[in-house]
Amino acid sequence: MLLIRAMIAAAHADGEITLDERQRITTKLDQAGAGADERAVLERELQNPRSVDQIIREVRAPDTAEQVYLISRLAMNPDTPAEKAYLEFAAA
């Protein structure tokens, strides 16, 4: 769940989730074998994206931090200052 939330937060870092970002997230979920329940969770989370602060507070271990950063990077195309700042904050 944390990784899904991280993808959504990363995509929303600039204030919007583009169609491309939404498709990236959906594709990753599909590749993980998501079913109808997971899709419903995704839709709920897309309606209420978490902040980067909320995501980082949930990270408890270095390997989880690495996964959060990598999955966040996959979810977005960091082409805005806000998205770049999100990745810098997540990397710290």
PDB file of N, CA and C in Angstrom:
ATOM      1  N   MET A   1       0.817  -1.189   0.000  1.00  0.00           N
ATOM      2  CA  MET A   1       0.000   0.000   0.000  1.00  0.00           C
ATOM      3  C   MET A   1       0.862   1.256   0.000  1.00  0.00           C
ATOM      4  N   LEU A   2       1.952   1.219   0.754  1.00  0.00           N
ATOM      5  CA  LEU A   2       2.844   2.373   0.807  1.00  0.00           C
ATOM      6  C   LEU A   2       3.390   2.702  -0.579  1.00  0.00           C
ATOM      7  N   LEU A   3       3.741   1.701  -1.343  1.00  0.00           N
ATOM      8  CA  LEU A   3       4.305   1.947  -2.667  1.00  0.00           C
ATOM      9  C   LEU A   3       3.266   2.525  -3.625  1.00  0.00           C
ATOM     10  N   ILE A   4       2.040   2.077  -3.529  1.00  0.00           N
ATOM     11  CA  ILE A   4       0.967   2.648  -4.343  1.00  0.00           C
ATOM     12  C   ILE A   4       0.771   4.111  -3.963  1.00  0.00           C
ATOM     13  N   ARG A   5       0.724   4.366  -2.676  1.00  0.00           N
ATOM     14  CA  ARG A   5       0.561   5.748  -2.211  1.00  0.00           C
ATOM     15  C   ARG A   5       1.739   6.624  -2.643  1.00  0.00           C
ATOM     16  N   ALA A   6       2.943   6.060  -2.619  1.00  0.00           N
ATOM     17  CA  ALA A   6       4.121   6.817  -3.041  1.00  0.00           C
ATOM     18  C   ALA A   6       4.035   7.168  -4.526  1.00  0.00           C
ATOM     19  N   MET A   7       3.584   6.238  -5.337  1.00  0.00           N
ATOM     20  CA  MET A   7       3.432   6.521  -6.765  1.00  0.00           C
ATOM     21  C   MET A   7       2.428   7.645  -6.986  1.00  0.00           C
ATOM     22  N   ILE A   8       1.330   7.586  -6.285  1.00  0.00           N
ATOM     23  CA  ILE A   8       0.285   8.605  -6.438  1.00  0.00           C
ATOM     24  C   ILE A   8       0.792   9.956  -5.940  1.00  0.00           C
ATOM     25  N   ALA A   9       1.456   9.973  -4.791  1.00  0.00           N
ATOM     26  CA  ALA A   9       1.991  11.225  -4.248  1.00  0.00           C
ATOM     27  C   ALA A   9       3.017  11.830  -5.197  1.00  0.00           C
ATOM     28  N   ALA A  10       3.867  10.993  -5.768  1.00  0.00           N
ATOM     29  CA  ALA A  10       4.872  11.481  -6.708  1.00  0.00           C
ATOM     30  C   ALA A  10       4.215  12.083  -7.942  1.00  0.00           C
ATOM     31  N   ALA A  11       3.231  11.382  -8.470  1.00  0.00           N
ATOM     32  CA  ALA A  11       2.530  11.882  -9.662  1.00  0.00           C
ATOM     33  C   ALA A  11       1.795  13.176  -9.360  1.00  0.00           C
ATOM     34  N   HIS A  12       1.353  13.332  -8.133  1.00  0.00           N
ATOM     35  CA  HIS A  12       0.579  14.510  -7.734  1.00  0.00           C
ATOM     36  C   HIS A  12       1.470  15.642  -7.194  1.00  0.00           C
ATOM     37  N   ALA A  13       2.767  15.456  -7.177  1.00  0.00           N
ATOM     38  CA  ALA A  13       3.686  16.438  -6.592  1.00  0.00           C
ATOM     39  C   ALA A  13       3.544  17.826  -7.199  1.00  0.00           C
ATOM     40  N   ASP A  14       3.169  17.903  -8.459  1.00  0.00           N
ATOM     41  CA  ASP A  14       3.016  19.206  -9.113  1.00  0.00           C
ATOM     42  C   ASP A  14       1.572  19.699  -9.095  1.00  0.00           C
ATOM     43  N   GLY A  15       0.718  19.008  -8.341  1.00  0.00           N
ATOM     44  CA  GLY A  15      -0.670  19.455  -8.184  1.00  0.00           C
ATOM     45  C   GLY A  15      -1.664  18.772  -9.088  1.00  0.00           C
ATOM     46  N   GLU A  16      -1.199  17.944  -9.996  1.00  0.00           N
ATOM     47  CA  GLU A  16      -2.120  17.201 -10.857  1.00  0.00           C
ATOM     48  C   GLU A  16      -1.531  15.846 -11.226  1.00  0.00           C
ATOM     49  N   ILE A  17      -2.400  14.914 -11.509  1.00  0.00           N
ATOM     50  CA  ILE A  17      -1.993  13.602 -11.995  1.00  0.00           C
ATOM     51  C   ILE A  17      -2.411  13.546 -13.458  1.00  0.00           C
ATOM     52  N   THR A  18      -1.420  13.516 -14.331  1.00  0.00           N
ATOM     53  CA  THR A  18      -1.712  13.506 -15.766  1.00  0.00           C
ATOM     54  C   THR A  18      -2.210  12.130 -16.199  1.00  0.00           C
ATOM     55  N   LEU A  19      -2.771  12.071 -17.370  1.00  0.00           N
ATOM     56  CA  LEU A  19      -3.233  10.798 -17.920  1.00  0.00           C
ATOM     57  C   LEU A  19      -2.064   9.826 -18.051  1.00  0.00           C
ATOM     58  N   ASP A  20      -0.917  10.333 -18.495  1.00  0.00           N
ATOM     59  CA  ASP A  20       0.275   9.494 -18.625  1.00  0.00           C
ATOM     60  C   ASP A  20       0.693   8.926 -17.273  1.00  0.00           C
ATOM     61  N   GLU A  21       0.697   9.760 -16.251  1.00  0.00           N
ATOM     62  CA  GLU A  21       1.077   9.299 -14.910  1.00  0.00           C
ATOM     63  C   GLU A  21       0.073   8.280 -14.387  1.00  0.00           C
ATOM     64  N   ARG A  22      -1.185   8.541 -14.610  1.00  0.00           N
ATOM     65  CA  ARG A  22      -2.231   7.602 -14.186  1.00  0.00           C
ATOM     66  C   ARG A  22      -2.051   6.247 -14.872  1.00  0.00           C
ATOM     67  N   GLN A  23      -1.713   6.274 -16.151  1.00  0.00           N
ATOM     68  CA  GLN A  23      -1.495   5.025 -16.886  1.00  0.00           C
ATOM     69  C   GLN A  23      -0.271   4.282 -16.369  1.00  0.00           C
ATOM     70  N   ARG A  24       0.784   5.017 -16.028  1.00  0.00           N
ATOM     71  CA  ARG A  24       1.979   4.376 -15.460  1.00  0.00           C
ATOM     72  C   ARG A  24       1.632   3.650 -14.167  1.00  0.00           C
ATOM     73  N   ILE A  25       0.871   4.311 -13.313  1.00  0.00           N
ATOM     74  CA  ILE A  25       0.486   3.715 -12.035  1.00  0.00           C
ATOM     75  C   ILE A  25      -0.385   2.484 -12.262  1.00  0.00           C
ATOM     76  N   THR A  26      -1.360   2.616 -13.125  1.00  0.00           N
ATOM     77  CA  THR A  26      -2.262   1.501 -13.421  1.00  0.00           C
ATOM     78  C   THR A  26      -1.503   0.320 -14.012  1.00  0.00           C
ATOM     79  N   THR A  27      -0.572   0.600 -14.904  1.00  0.00           N
ATOM     80  CA  THR A  27       0.234  -0.459 -15.518  1.00  0.00           C
ATOM     81  C   THR A  27       1.037  -1.205 -14.466  1.00  0.00           C
ATOM     82  N   LYS A  28       1.668  -0.478 -13.558  1.00  0.00           N
ATOM     83  CA  LYS A  28       2.452  -1.124 -12.497  1.00  0.00           C
ATOM     84  C   LYS A  28       1.559  -1.980 -11.607  1.00  0.00           C
ATOM     85  N   LEU A  29       0.377  -1.498 -11.322  1.00  0.00           N
ATOM     86  CA  LEU A  29      -0.567  -2.264 -10.512  1.00  0.00           C
ATOM     87  C   LEU A  29      -0.991  -3.535 -11.242  1.00  0.00           C
ATOM     88  N   ASP A  30      -1.268  -3.406 -12.523  1.00  0.00           N
ATOM     89  CA  ASP A  30      -1.634  -4.575 -13.333  1.00  0.00           C
ATOM     90  C   ASP A  30      -0.499  -5.594 -13.380  1.00  0.00           C
ATOM     91  N   GLN A  31       0.733  -5.109 -13.532  1.00  0.00           N
ATOM     92  CA  GLN A  31       1.890  -6.006 -13.568  1.00  0.00           C
ATOM     93  C   GLN A  31       2.064  -6.752 -12.252  1.00  0.00           C
ATOM     94  N   ALA A  32       1.601  -6.153 -11.179  1.00  0.00           N
ATOM     95  CA  ALA A  32       1.690  -6.789  -9.865  1.00  0.00           C
ATOM     96  C   ALA A  32       0.544  -7.765  -9.621  1.00  0.00           C
ATOM     97  N   GLY A  33      -0.362  -7.892 -10.608  1.00  0.00           N
ATOM     98  CA  GLY A  33      -1.456  -8.850 -10.491  1.00  0.00           C
ATOM     99  C   GLY A  33      -2.664  -8.322  -9.739  1.00  0.00           C
ATOM    100  N   ALA A  34      -2.868  -7.023  -9.780  1.00  0.00           N
ATOM    101  CA  ALA A  34      -3.987  -6.414  -9.050  1.00  0.00           C
ATOM    102  C   ALA A  34      -5.334  -6.877  -9.591  1.00  0.00           C
ATOM    103  N   GLY A  35      -6.266  -6.991  -8.677  1.00  0.00           N
ATOM    104  CA  GLY A  35      -7.633  -7.350  -9.026  1.00  0.00           C
ATOM    105  C   GLY A  35      -8.575  -6.184  -8.791  1.00  0.00           C
ATOM    106  N   ALA A  36      -9.850  -6.477  -8.748  1.00  0.00           N
ATOM    107  CA  ALA A  36     -10.873  -5.443  -8.584  1.00  0.00           C
ATOM    108  C   ALA A  36     -10.742  -4.697  -7.257  1.00  0.00           C
ATOM    109  N   ASP A  37     -10.419  -5.412  -6.194  1.00  0.00           N
ATOM    110  CA  ASP A  37     -10.276  -4.755  -4.882  1.00  0.00           C
ATOM    111  C   ASP A  37      -9.127  -3.755  -4.891  1.00  0.00           C
ATOM    112  N   GLU A  38      -8.014  -4.154  -5.475  1.00  0.00           N
ATOM    113  CA  GLU A  38      -6.865  -3.257  -5.546  1.00  0.00           C
ATOM    114  C   GLU A  38      -7.155  -2.049  -6.432  1.00  0.00           C
ATOM    115  N   ARG A  39      -7.905  -2.275  -7.483  1.00  0.00           N
ATOM    116  CA  ARG A  39      -8.301  -1.164  -8.371  1.00  0.00           C
ATOM    117  C   ARG A  39      -9.179  -0.170  -7.619  1.00  0.00           C
ATOM    118  N   ALA A  40     -10.070  -0.668  -6.791  1.00  0.00           N
ATOM    119  CA  ALA A  40     -10.935   0.209  -5.999  1.00  0.00           C
ATOM    120  C   ALA A  40     -10.106   1.034  -5.018  1.00  0.00           C
ATOM    121  N   VAL A  41      -9.120   0.409  -4.398  1.00  0.00           N
ATOM    122  CA  VAL A  41      -8.224   1.118  -3.483  1.00  0.00           C
ATOM    123  C   VAL A  41      -7.465   2.194  -4.251  1.00  0.00           C
ATOM    124  N   LEU A  42      -6.978   1.848  -5.426  1.00  0.00           N
ATOM    125  CA  LEU A  42      -6.256   2.805  -6.253  1.00  0.00           C
ATOM    126  C   LEU A  42      -7.120   4.024  -6.555  1.00  0.00           C
ATOM    127  N   GLU A  43      -8.354   3.803  -6.943  1.00  0.00           N
ATOM    128  CA  GLU A  43      -9.247   4.916  -7.256  1.00  0.00           C
ATOM    129  C   GLU A  43      -9.484   5.810  -6.045  1.00  0.00           C
ATOM    130  N   ARG A  44      -9.652   5.191  -4.874  1.00  0.00           N
ATOM    131  CA  ARG A  44      -9.826   5.983  -3.644  1.00  0.00           C
ATOM    132  C   ARG A  44      -8.581   6.811  -3.344  1.00  0.00           C
ATOM    133  N   GLU A  45      -7.434   6.195  -3.488  1.00  0.00           N
ATOM    134  CA  GLU A  45      -6.177   6.893  -3.220  1.00  0.00           C
ATOM    135  C   GLU A  45      -5.935   8.014  -4.230  1.00  0.00           C
ATOM    136  N   LEU A  46      -6.321   7.807  -5.481  1.00  0.00           N
ATOM    137  CA  LEU A  46      -6.162   8.845  -6.503  1.00  0.00           C
ATOM    138  C   LEU A  46      -7.014  10.071  -6.185  1.00  0.00           C
ATOM    139  N   GLN A  47      -8.132   9.854  -5.520  1.00  0.00           N
ATOM    140  CA  GLN A  47      -9.007  10.968  -5.148  1.00  0.00           C
ATOM    141  C   GLN A  47      -8.472  11.765  -3.963  1.00  0.00           C
ATOM    142  N   ASN A  48      -7.567  11.146  -3.192  1.00  0.00           N
ATOM    143  CA  ASN A  48      -7.038  11.791  -1.995  1.00  0.00           C
ATOM    144  C   ASN A  48      -5.544  11.492  -1.853  1.00  0.00           C
ATOM    145  N   PRO A  49      -4.713  12.062  -2.739  1.00  0.00           N
ATOM    146  CA  PRO A  49      -3.276  11.765  -2.691  1.00  0.00           C
ATOM    147  C   PRO A  49      -2.635  12.211  -1.380  1.00  0.00           C
ATOM    148  N   ARG A  50      -1.708  11.423  -0.899  1.00  0.00           N
ATOM    149  CA  ARG A  50      -0.961  11.749   0.318  1.00  0.00           C
ATOM    150  C   ARG A  50       0.147  12.735  -0.021  1.00  0.00           C
ATOM    151  N   SER A  51       0.606  13.453   0.968  1.00  0.00           N
ATOM    152  CA  SER A  51       1.737  14.362   0.767  1.00  0.00           C
ATOM    153  C   SER A  51       3.036  13.565   0.882  1.00  0.00           C
ATOM    154  N   VAL A  52       4.106  14.158   0.404  1.00  0.00           N
ATOM    155  CA  VAL A  52       5.402  13.500   0.525  1.00  0.00           C
ATOM    156  C   VAL A  52       5.762  13.310   1.995  1.00  0.00           C
ATOM    157  N   ASP A  53       5.400  14.271   2.832  1.00  0.00           N
ATOM    158  CA  ASP A  53       5.662  14.132   4.270  1.00  0.00           C
ATOM    159  C   ASP A  53       4.964  12.903   4.847  1.00  0.00           C
ATOM    160  N   GLN A  54       3.716  12.701   4.463  1.00  0.00           N
ATOM    161  CA  GLN A  54       2.975  11.534   4.956  1.00  0.00           C
ATOM    162  C   GLN A  54       3.631  10.239   4.485  1.00  0.00           C
ATOM    163  N   ILE A  55       4.076  10.216   3.247  1.00  0.00           N
ATOM    164  CA  ILE A  55       4.725   9.008   2.709  1.00  0.00           C
ATOM    165  C   ILE A  55       6.019   8.735   3.461  1.00  0.00           C
ATOM    166  N   ILE A  56       6.860   9.750   3.607  1.00  0.00           N
ATOM    167  CA  ILE A  56       8.154   9.571   4.251  1.00  0.00           C
ATOM    168  C   ILE A  56       8.006   9.126   5.707  1.00  0.00           C
ATOM    169  N   ARG A  57       6.988   9.617   6.400  1.00  0.00           N
ATOM    170  CA  ARG A  57       6.761   9.200   7.803  1.00  0.00           C
ATOM    171  C   ARG A  57       6.461   7.710   7.916  1.00  0.00           C
ATOM    172  N   GLU A  58       5.956   7.100   6.846  1.00  0.00           N
ATOM    173  CA  GLU A  58       5.632   5.675   6.881  1.00  0.00           C
ATOM    174  C   GLU A  58       6.842   4.789   6.588  1.00  0.00           C
ATOM    175  N   VAL A  59       7.927   5.367   6.115  1.00  0.00           N
ATOM    176  CA  VAL A  59       9.126   4.601   5.774  1.00  0.00           C
ATOM    177  C   VAL A  59       9.880   4.278   7.059  1.00  0.00           C
ATOM    178  N   ARG A  60      10.136   2.999   7.277  1.00  0.00           N
ATOM    179  CA  ARG A  60      10.763   2.559   8.521  1.00  0.00           C
ATOM    180  C   ARG A  60      12.157   1.950   8.334  1.00  0.00           C
ATOM    181  N   ALA A  61      12.542   1.661   7.096  1.00  0.00           N
ATOM    182  CA  ALA A  61      13.812   0.977   6.867  1.00  0.00           C
ATOM    183  C   ALA A  61      14.464   1.501   5.585  1.00  0.00           C
ATOM    184  N   PRO A  62      15.789   1.438   5.526  1.00  0.00           N
ATOM    185  CA  PRO A  62      16.492   1.933   4.337  1.00  0.00           C
ATOM    186  C   PRO A  62      16.057   1.266   3.032  1.00  0.00           C
ATOM    187  N   ASP A  63      15.808  -0.042   3.074  1.00  0.00           N
ATOM    188  CA  ASP A  63      15.396  -0.710   1.838  1.00  0.00           C
ATOM    189  C   ASP A  63      14.000  -0.257   1.396  1.00  0.00           C
ATOM    190  N   THR A  64      13.146   0.056   2.338  1.00  0.00           N
ATOM    191  CA  THR A  64      11.825   0.595   2.008  1.00  0.00           C
ATOM    192  C   THR A  64      11.961   1.991   1.416  1.00  0.00           C
ATOM    193  N   ALA A  65      12.862   2.788   1.964  1.00  0.00           N
ATOM    194  CA  ALA A  65      13.101   4.136   1.440  1.00  0.00           C
ATOM    195  C   ALA A  65      13.564   4.066  -0.008  1.00  0.00           C
ATOM    196  N   GLU A  66      14.424   3.118  -0.295  1.00  0.00           N
ATOM    197  CA  GLU A  66      14.904   2.943  -1.669  1.00  0.00           C
ATOM    198  C   GLU A  66      13.758   2.554  -2.599  1.00  0.00           C
ATOM    199  N   GLN A  67      12.919   1.646  -2.155  1.00  0.00           N
ATOM    200  CA  GLN A  67      11.765   1.226  -2.968  1.00  0.00           C
ATOM    201  C   GLN A  67      10.814   2.387  -3.211  1.00  0.00           C
ATOM    202  N   VAL A  68      10.566   3.191  -2.180  1.00  0.00           N
ATOM    203  CA  VAL A  68       9.675   4.348  -2.314  1.00  0.00           C
ATOM    204  C   VAL A  68      10.236   5.317  -3.341  1.00  0.00           C
ATOM    205  N   TYR A  69      11.537   5.576  -3.277  1.00  0.00           N
ATOM    206  CA  TYR A  69      12.151   6.490  -4.241  1.00  0.00           C
ATOM    207  C   TYR A  69      12.025   5.936  -5.662  1.00  0.00           C
ATOM    208  N   LEU A  70      12.391   4.686  -5.844  1.00  0.00           N
ATOM    209  CA  LEU A  70      12.364   4.098  -7.187  1.00  0.00           C
ATOM    210  C   LEU A  70      10.960   4.058  -7.777  1.00  0.00           C
ATOM    211  N   ILE A  71       9.992   3.655  -6.981  1.00  0.00           N
ATOM    212  CA  ILE A  71       8.621   3.568  -7.483  1.00  0.00           C
ATOM    213  C   ILE A  71       8.061   4.965  -7.749  1.00  0.00           C
ATOM    214  N   SER A  72       8.476   5.931  -6.947  1.00  0.00           N
ATOM    215  CA  SER A  72       8.054   7.312  -7.174  1.00  0.00           C
ATOM    216  C   SER A  72       8.601   7.804  -8.508  1.00  0.00           C
ATOM    217  N   ARG A  73       9.848   7.483  -8.773  1.00  0.00           N
ATOM    218  CA  ARG A  73      10.476   7.910 -10.030  1.00  0.00           C
ATOM    219  C   ARG A  73       9.792   7.268 -11.235  1.00  0.00           C
ATOM    220  N   LEU A  74       9.380   6.033 -11.090  1.00  0.00           N
ATOM    221  CA  LEU A  74       8.685   5.344 -12.183  1.00  0.00           C
ATOM    222  C   LEU A  74       7.306   5.932 -12.456  1.00  0.00           C
ATOM    223  N   ALA A  75       6.701   6.511 -11.442  1.00  0.00           N
ATOM    224  CA  ALA A  75       5.333   7.016 -11.568  1.00  0.00           C
ATOM    225  C   ALA A  75       5.252   8.345 -12.298  1.00  0.00           C
ATOM    226  N   MET A  76       6.364   9.060 -12.357  1.00  0.00           N
ATOM    227  CA  MET A  76       6.301  10.412 -12.915  1.00  0.00           C
ATOM    228  C   MET A  76       7.407  10.670 -13.912  1.00  0.00           C
ATOM    229  N   ASN A  77       7.185  11.713 -14.667  1.00  0.00           N
ATOM    230  CA  ASN A  77       8.218  12.274 -15.521  1.00  0.00           C
ATOM    231  C   ASN A  77       8.605  13.590 -14.852  1.00  0.00           C
ATOM    232  N   PRO A  78       9.712  13.615 -14.119  1.00  0.00           N
ATOM    233  CA  PRO A  78      10.028  14.809 -13.323  1.00  0.00           C
ATOM    234  C   PRO A  78      10.404  16.013 -14.190  1.00  0.00           C
ATOM    235  N   ASP A  79       9.381  16.652 -14.733  1.00  0.00           N
ATOM    236  CA  ASP A  79       9.613  17.773 -15.635  1.00  0.00           C
ATOM    237  C   ASP A  79       9.185  19.116 -15.041  1.00  0.00           C
ATOM    238  N   THR A  80       8.826  19.122 -13.763  1.00  0.00           N
ATOM    239  CA  THR A  80       8.479  20.378 -13.100  1.00  0.00           C
ATOM    240  C   THR A  80       9.337  20.525 -11.846  1.00  0.00           C
ATOM    241  N   PRO A  81       9.539  21.748 -11.396  1.00  0.00           N
ATOM    242  CA  PRO A  81      10.308  21.938 -10.155  1.00  0.00           C
ATOM    243  C   PRO A  81       9.705  21.194  -8.959  1.00  0.00           C
ATOM    244  N   ALA A  82       8.384  21.142  -8.881  1.00  0.00           N
ATOM    245  CA  ALA A  82       7.735  20.445  -7.757  1.00  0.00           C
ATOM    246  C   ALA A  82       8.042  18.953  -7.784  1.00  0.00           C
ATOM    247  N   GLU A  83       8.017  18.352  -8.960  1.00  0.00           N
ATOM    248  CA  GLU A  83       8.314  16.919  -9.057  1.00  0.00           C
ATOM    249  C   GLU A  83       9.781  16.642  -8.743  1.00  0.00           C
ATOM    250  N   LYS A  84      10.664  17.499  -9.213  1.00  0.00           N
ATOM    251  CA  LYS A  84      12.076  17.343  -8.895  1.00  0.00           C
ATOM    252  C   LYS A  84      12.325  17.495  -7.398  1.00  0.00           C
ATOM    253  N   ALA A  85      11.636  18.441  -6.778  1.00  0.00           N
ATOM    254  CA  ALA A  85      11.763  18.638  -5.334  1.00  0.00           C
ATOM    255  C   ALA A  85      11.257  17.416  -4.567  1.00  0.00           C
ATOM    256  N   TYR A  86      10.163  16.816  -5.038  1.00  0.00           N
ATOM    257  CA  TYR A  86       9.634  15.600  -4.405  1.00  0.00           C
ATOM    258  C   TYR A  86      10.717  14.526  -4.394  1.00  0.00           C
ATOM    259  N   LEU A  87      11.344  14.311  -5.547  1.00  0.00           N
ATOM    260  CA  LEU A  87      12.369  13.265  -5.634  1.00  0.00           C
ATOM    261  C   LEU A  87      13.576  13.583  -4.764  1.00  0.00           C
ATOM    262  N   GLU A  88      13.959  14.841  -4.715  1.00  0.00           N
ATOM    263  CA  GLU A  88      15.081  15.231  -3.857  1.00  0.00           C
ATOM    264  C   GLU A  88      14.741  14.975  -2.392  1.00  0.00           C
ATOM    265  N   PHE A  89      13.538  15.311  -1.986  1.00  0.00           N
ATOM    266  CA  PHE A  89      13.107  15.096  -0.608  1.00  0.00           C
ATOM    267  C   PHE A  89      13.032  13.597  -0.300  1.00  0.00           C
ATOM    268  N   ALA A  90      12.507  12.832  -1.233  1.00  0.00           N
ATOM    269  CA  ALA A  90      12.393  11.385  -1.032  1.00  0.00           C
ATOM    270  C   ALA A  90      13.767  10.715  -0.973  1.00  0.00           C
ATOM    271  N   ALA A  91      14.726  11.281  -1.661  1.00  0.00           N
ATOM    272  CA  ALA A  91      16.070  10.695  -1.680  1.00  0.00           C
ATOM    273  C   ALA A  91      16.842  10.974  -0.391  1.00  0.00           C
ATOM    274  N   ALA A  92      16.441  11.985   0.325  1.00  0.00           N
ATOM    275  CA  ALA A  92      17.197  12.385   1.539  1.00  0.00           C
ATOM    276  C   ALA A  92      16.961  11.464   2.707  1.00  0.00           C
TER     277      ALA A  92
END
